[in-house]
Amino acid sequence: MIKTKRVYEAPEPDDGKRFLVERLWPRGVKKETLQIDAWLKGVAPSHSLRLWYGHDPKKWEEFKRRYFAELDGKPEAWQPILTEARKGNVTLLYSARDTEHNSAVALKIYLENKK
């Protein structure tokens, strides 16, 4: 199972492997206190795509299309997540306030279509 969770939420036993999937380190979070198995910067959307999207829900469908195209070009970035998801639970950690329209949610959709 692949879950998404805000990085500010406490870890839970069923989180499984926890991957930070942001290009930038989340504000207000100390590296030594965040419980993650890996920080996968390379799986995050490009800087230009992130700026274009700006967390505008009206752009969600186009954002996903563009982001999926980026992901298609870099399987080495997301393959470790999929490998772990085939073994057990995986949690994708993100910092966005919008819990429905963010890159971790899009990444989850993308990976679930790869299973």
N, C-alpha and C. Protein backbone atom coordinates (compact mmCIF):
# COMPACT_ATOMS: atom_id res chain seq x y z
N MET A 1 0.85 -1.18 0.00
CA MET A 1 0.00 0.00 0.00
C MET A 1 0.89 1.24 0.00
N ILE A 2 0.48 2.24 -0.77
CA ILE A 2 1.18 3.52 -0.81
C ILE A 2 0.26 4.56 -0.18
N LYS A 3 0.78 5.25 0.83
CA LYS A 3 0.04 6.31 1.51
C LYS A 3 0.75 7.63 1.27
N THR A 4 0.03 8.71 1.47
CA THR A 4 0.63 10.04 1.50
C THR A 4 0.35 10.66 2.85
N LYS A 5 1.27 11.50 3.29
CA LYS A 5 1.12 12.10 4.61
C LYS A 5 1.93 13.39 4.66
N ARG A 6 1.37 14.39 5.32
CA ARG A 6 2.13 15.62 5.53
C ARG A 6 3.31 15.31 6.43
N VAL A 7 4.42 15.90 6.12
CA VAL A 7 5.66 15.65 6.84
C VAL A 7 5.54 16.07 8.31
N TYR A 8 4.59 16.93 8.61
CA TYR A 8 4.41 17.44 9.97
C TYR A 8 3.59 16.50 10.86
N GLU A 9 3.02 15.45 10.27
CA GLU A 9 2.25 14.48 11.04
C GLU A 9 3.19 13.43 11.63
N ALA A 10 2.81 12.93 12.80
CA ALA A 10 3.64 11.95 13.50
C ALA A 10 3.68 10.62 12.74
N PRO A 11 4.82 9.94 12.79
CA PRO A 11 4.91 8.61 12.18
C PRO A 11 3.96 7.63 12.87
N GLU A 12 3.48 6.66 12.11
CA GLU A 12 2.62 5.62 12.64
C GLU A 12 3.23 4.27 12.30
N PRO A 13 2.95 3.25 13.10
CA PRO A 13 3.55 1.94 12.86
C PRO A 13 3.27 1.37 11.47
N ASP A 14 2.10 1.69 10.88
CA ASP A 14 1.79 1.12 9.57
C ASP A 14 2.28 1.98 8.40
N ASP A 15 3.11 2.99 8.68
CA ASP A 15 3.68 3.82 7.60
C ASP A 15 4.61 3.02 6.70
N GLY A 16 5.24 2.02 7.24
CA GLY A 16 6.23 1.28 6.46
C GLY A 16 7.42 2.16 6.14
N LYS A 17 8.00 2.00 4.96
CA LYS A 17 9.12 2.84 4.55
C LYS A 17 8.61 4.25 4.29
N ARG A 18 9.32 5.22 4.84
CA ARG A 18 8.90 6.63 4.72
C ARG A 18 9.88 7.38 3.81
N PHE A 19 9.33 7.94 2.73
CA PHE A 19 10.14 8.66 1.76
C PHE A 19 9.71 10.11 1.68
N LEU A 20 10.64 11.03 1.90
CA LEU A 20 10.38 12.44 1.65
C LEU A 20 10.51 12.65 0.15
N VAL A 21 9.45 13.14 -0.49
CA VAL A 21 9.44 13.26 -1.94
C VAL A 21 9.34 14.73 -2.38
N GLU A 22 10.04 15.57 -1.67
CA GLU A 22 10.09 17.01 -1.95
C GLU A 22 11.48 17.37 -2.44
N ARG A 23 11.55 18.34 -3.34
CA ARG A 23 12.85 18.83 -3.81
C ARG A 23 13.53 19.68 -2.73
N LEU A 24 12.72 20.45 -1.98
CA LEU A 24 13.24 21.33 -0.93
C LEU A 24 12.90 20.75 0.44
N TRP A 25 13.80 20.95 1.40
CA TRP A 25 13.55 20.48 2.76
C TRP A 25 12.38 21.27 3.35
N PRO A 26 11.45 20.62 4.03
CA PRO A 26 10.28 21.30 4.60
C PRO A 26 10.65 22.31 5.69
N ARG A 27 9.98 23.43 5.65
CA ARG A 27 10.22 24.50 6.63
C ARG A 27 9.86 24.03 8.04
N GLY A 28 10.70 24.43 8.97
CA GLY A 28 10.42 24.18 10.37
C GLY A 28 10.67 22.76 10.84
N VAL A 29 11.25 21.93 10.00
CA VAL A 29 11.50 20.53 10.35
C VAL A 29 13.01 20.32 10.44
N LYS A 30 13.45 19.81 11.59
CA LYS A 30 14.87 19.52 11.77
C LYS A 30 15.18 18.15 11.19
N LYS A 31 16.27 18.07 10.47
CA LYS A 31 16.64 16.81 9.83
C LYS A 31 16.79 15.68 10.83
N GLU A 32 17.31 16.00 12.01
CA GLU A 32 17.55 14.95 12.99
C GLU A 32 16.27 14.45 13.67
N THR A 33 15.17 15.17 13.50
CA THR A 33 13.92 14.72 14.13
C THR A 33 12.95 14.04 13.16
N LEU A 34 13.15 14.24 11.88
CA LEU A 34 12.25 13.63 10.90
C LEU A 34 12.65 12.18 10.67
N GLN A 35 11.71 11.30 10.86
CA GLN A 35 11.97 9.87 10.68
C GLN A 35 11.65 9.48 9.24
N ILE A 36 12.71 9.40 8.42
CA ILE A 36 12.53 9.01 7.03
C ILE A 36 13.56 7.93 6.69
N ASP A 37 13.21 7.14 5.70
CA ASP A 37 14.14 6.14 5.21
C ASP A 37 15.01 6.69 4.09
N ALA A 38 14.45 7.67 3.35
CA ALA A 38 15.23 8.30 2.29
C ALA A 38 14.56 9.60 1.87
N TRP A 39 15.40 10.53 1.41
CA TRP A 39 14.93 11.77 0.83
C TRP A 39 15.18 11.66 -0.67
N LEU A 40 14.11 11.53 -1.43
CA LEU A 40 14.22 11.31 -2.86
C LEU A 40 13.89 12.60 -3.61
N LYS A 41 14.83 13.51 -3.63
CA LYS A 41 14.64 14.81 -4.30
C LYS A 41 14.36 14.65 -5.78
N GLY A 42 15.00 13.68 -6.40
CA GLY A 42 14.89 13.50 -7.83
C GLY A 42 13.52 13.10 -8.34
N VAL A 43 12.66 12.65 -7.44
CA VAL A 43 11.32 12.23 -7.85
C VAL A 43 10.33 13.41 -7.83
N ALA A 44 10.75 14.52 -7.25
CA ALA A 44 9.89 15.70 -7.16
C ALA A 44 9.75 16.36 -8.53
N PRO A 45 8.68 17.12 -8.73
CA PRO A 45 8.52 17.83 -10.01
C PRO A 45 9.67 18.82 -10.21
N SER A 46 9.95 19.11 -11.47
CA SER A 46 10.99 20.09 -11.78
C SER A 46 10.62 21.45 -11.18
N HIS A 47 11.62 22.27 -11.00
CA HIS A 47 11.42 23.61 -10.44
C HIS A 47 10.43 24.39 -11.32
N SER A 48 10.60 24.32 -12.62
CA SER A 48 9.73 25.09 -13.51
C SER A 48 8.29 24.58 -13.45
N LEU A 49 8.08 23.28 -13.36
CA LEU A 49 6.72 22.75 -13.25
C LEU A 49 6.09 23.14 -11.92
N ARG A 50 6.86 23.06 -10.87
CA ARG A 50 6.36 23.45 -9.55
C ARG A 50 5.93 24.91 -9.54
N LEU A 51 6.74 25.78 -10.13
CA LEU A 51 6.39 27.20 -10.18
C LEU A 51 5.15 27.44 -11.05
N TRP A 52 5.08 26.76 -12.19
CA TRP A 52 3.92 26.91 -13.06
C TRP A 52 2.64 26.49 -12.34
N TYR A 53 2.69 25.36 -11.65
CA TYR A 53 1.50 24.82 -10.99
C TYR A 53 1.05 25.73 -9.84
N GLY A 54 1.97 26.11 -8.98
CA GLY A 54 1.63 27.00 -7.86
C GLY A 54 0.49 26.52 -6.97
N HIS A 55 0.27 25.22 -6.90
CA HIS A 55 -0.80 24.62 -6.09
C HIS A 55 -2.18 25.17 -6.45
N ASP A 56 -2.38 25.44 -7.73
CA ASP A 56 -3.67 25.92 -8.22
C ASP A 56 -4.50 24.70 -8.63
N PRO A 57 -5.55 24.37 -7.87
CA PRO A 57 -6.35 23.18 -8.18
C PRO A 57 -6.93 23.18 -9.59
N LYS A 58 -7.11 24.36 -10.20
CA LYS A 58 -7.64 24.42 -11.56
C LYS A 58 -6.63 23.86 -12.56
N LYS A 59 -5.36 23.81 -12.19
CA LYS A 59 -4.31 23.29 -13.06
C LYS A 59 -3.97 21.83 -12.75
N TRP A 60 -4.70 21.21 -11.84
CA TRP A 60 -4.36 19.88 -11.34
C TRP A 60 -4.20 18.83 -12.45
N GLU A 61 -5.18 18.72 -13.33
CA GLU A 61 -5.12 17.69 -14.36
C GLU A 61 -3.92 17.91 -15.29
N GLU A 62 -3.67 19.14 -15.68
CA GLU A 62 -2.52 19.43 -16.54
C GLU A 62 -1.21 19.23 -15.79
N PHE A 63 -1.20 19.58 -14.50
CA PHE A 63 -0.01 19.34 -13.68
C PHE A 63 0.33 17.85 -13.67
N LYS A 64 -0.68 17.02 -13.40
CA LYS A 64 -0.44 15.57 -13.38
C LYS A 64 0.09 15.09 -14.72
N ARG A 65 -0.49 15.54 -15.81
CA ARG A 65 -0.03 15.12 -17.14
C ARG A 65 1.44 15.48 -17.34
N ARG A 66 1.81 16.71 -17.01
CA ARG A 66 3.19 17.15 -17.18
C ARG A 66 4.14 16.43 -16.22
N TYR A 67 3.70 16.25 -14.99
CA TYR A 67 4.53 15.58 -13.99
C TYR A 67 4.74 14.11 -14.38
N PHE A 68 3.70 13.44 -14.82
CA PHE A 68 3.82 12.04 -15.24
C PHE A 68 4.80 11.93 -16.40
N ALA A 69 4.78 12.90 -17.30
CA ALA A 69 5.74 12.89 -18.41
C ALA A 69 7.16 13.02 -17.89
N GLU A 70 7.36 13.87 -16.88
CA GLU A 70 8.69 13.99 -16.27
C GLU A 70 9.09 12.67 -15.63
N LEU A 71 8.18 12.05 -14.91
CA LEU A 71 8.47 10.79 -14.24
C LEU A 71 8.78 9.67 -15.23
N ASP A 72 8.11 9.68 -16.37
CA ASP A 72 8.40 8.68 -17.40
C ASP A 72 9.86 8.74 -17.84
N GLY A 73 10.44 9.92 -17.78
CA GLY A 73 11.81 10.10 -18.20
C GLY A 73 12.86 9.81 -17.16
N LYS A 74 12.44 9.49 -15.94
CA LYS A 74 13.42 9.21 -14.88
C LYS A 74 12.97 8.08 -13.96
N PRO A 75 12.86 6.88 -14.49
CA PRO A 75 12.42 5.75 -13.66
C PRO A 75 13.38 5.44 -12.51
N GLU A 76 14.63 5.79 -12.66
CA GLU A 76 15.58 5.55 -11.57
C GLU A 76 15.23 6.35 -10.31
N ALA A 77 14.47 7.42 -10.46
CA ALA A 77 14.09 8.25 -9.31
C ALA A 77 12.96 7.61 -8.50
N TRP A 78 11.99 7.00 -9.20
CA TRP A 78 10.83 6.46 -8.49
C TRP A 78 10.88 4.94 -8.29
N GLN A 79 11.77 4.26 -8.96
CA GLN A 79 11.83 2.80 -8.85
C GLN A 79 12.07 2.32 -7.41
N PRO A 80 12.91 3.00 -6.61
CA PRO A 80 13.09 2.53 -5.22
C PRO A 80 11.79 2.53 -4.42
N ILE A 81 10.91 3.48 -4.69
CA ILE A 81 9.63 3.53 -3.98
C ILE A 81 8.77 2.33 -4.39
N LEU A 82 8.69 2.08 -5.67
CA LEU A 82 7.88 0.98 -6.17
C LEU A 82 8.42 -0.37 -5.68
N THR A 83 9.73 -0.50 -5.65
CA THR A 83 10.34 -1.73 -5.15
C THR A 83 9.92 -1.99 -3.71
N GLU A 84 9.97 -0.96 -2.87
CA GLU A 84 9.57 -1.10 -1.46
C GLU A 84 8.06 -1.32 -1.33
N ALA A 85 7.27 -0.68 -2.18
CA ALA A 85 5.81 -0.85 -2.12
C ALA A 85 5.40 -2.28 -2.44
N ARG A 86 6.18 -2.95 -3.24
CA ARG A 86 5.88 -4.35 -3.57
C ARG A 86 6.17 -5.27 -2.38
N LYS A 87 6.98 -4.80 -1.45
CA LYS A 87 7.33 -5.59 -0.26
C LYS A 87 6.41 -5.30 0.92
N GLY A 88 5.89 -4.06 1.00
CA GLY A 88 5.08 -3.66 2.15
C GLY A 88 4.62 -2.22 2.01
N ASN A 89 4.16 -1.66 3.11
CA ASN A 89 3.65 -0.30 3.10
C ASN A 89 4.74 0.72 2.82
N VAL A 90 4.34 1.78 2.14
CA VAL A 90 5.22 2.91 1.84
C VAL A 90 4.42 4.19 2.10
N THR A 91 5.08 5.19 2.67
CA THR A 91 4.45 6.49 2.90
C THR A 91 5.27 7.56 2.20
N LEU A 92 4.59 8.35 1.38
CA LEU A 92 5.20 9.48 0.69
C LEU A 92 4.95 10.73 1.50
N LEU A 93 6.01 11.36 1.95
CA LEU A 93 5.89 12.55 2.80
C LEU A 93 6.03 13.82 1.97
N TYR A 94 5.15 14.77 2.24
CA TYR A 94 5.13 16.04 1.53
C TYR A 94 4.87 17.17 2.52
N SER A 95 5.10 18.42 2.10
CA SER A 95 4.91 19.55 3.01
C SER A 95 3.76 20.46 2.61
N ALA A 96 3.18 20.30 1.45
CA ALA A 96 2.11 21.19 0.97
C ALA A 96 0.92 21.20 1.92
N ARG A 97 0.26 22.34 2.00
CA ARG A 97 -0.94 22.44 2.83
C ARG A 97 -2.14 21.73 2.21
N ASP A 98 -2.20 21.76 0.88
CA ASP A 98 -3.30 21.13 0.16
C ASP A 98 -3.06 19.62 0.16
N THR A 99 -3.94 18.90 0.83
CA THR A 99 -3.75 17.45 0.98
C THR A 99 -4.29 16.65 -0.21
N GLU A 100 -4.97 17.31 -1.15
CA GLU A 100 -5.56 16.60 -2.29
C GLU A 100 -4.86 16.88 -3.61
N HIS A 101 -4.22 18.03 -3.71
CA HIS A 101 -3.63 18.46 -4.99
C HIS A 101 -2.16 18.80 -4.81
N ASN A 102 -1.35 17.80 -4.56
CA ASN A 102 0.08 18.03 -4.39
C ASN A 102 0.86 16.94 -5.12
N SER A 103 2.15 17.15 -5.23
CA SER A 103 2.96 16.22 -6.03
C SER A 103 3.02 14.82 -5.43
N ALA A 104 2.94 14.68 -4.11
CA ALA A 104 2.96 13.34 -3.51
C ALA A 104 1.70 12.56 -3.89
N VAL A 105 0.57 13.22 -3.91
CA VAL A 105 -0.68 12.57 -4.32
C VAL A 105 -0.58 12.16 -5.79
N ALA A 106 -0.06 13.04 -6.62
CA ALA A 106 0.13 12.72 -8.04
C ALA A 106 1.10 11.55 -8.20
N LEU A 107 2.19 11.56 -7.44
CA LEU A 107 3.17 10.48 -7.50
C LEU A 107 2.54 9.15 -7.09
N LYS A 108 1.71 9.17 -6.07
CA LYS A 108 1.01 7.96 -5.63
C LYS A 108 0.15 7.40 -6.78
N ILE A 109 -0.58 8.26 -7.44
CA ILE A 109 -1.42 7.84 -8.58
C ILE A 109 -0.53 7.22 -9.66
N TYR A 110 0.57 7.89 -9.96
CA TYR A 110 1.49 7.42 -10.98
C TYR A 110 2.03 6.02 -10.63
N LEU A 111 2.48 5.87 -9.39
CA LEU A 111 3.07 4.59 -8.97
C LEU A 111 2.04 3.47 -8.92
N GLU A 112 0.83 3.79 -8.50
CA GLU A 112 -0.20 2.76 -8.45
C GLU A 112 -0.54 2.25 -9.84
N ASN A 113 -0.36 3.08 -10.85
CA ASN A 113 -0.58 2.64 -12.23
C ASN A 113 0.60 1.81 -12.76
N LYS A 114 1.72 1.80 -12.05
CA LYS A 114 2.90 1.04 -12.46
C LYS A 114 2.96 -0.34 -11.81
N LYS A 115 2.18 -0.58 -10.78
CA LYS A 115 2.26 -1.82 -10.02
C LYS A 115 2.01 -3.05 -10.84
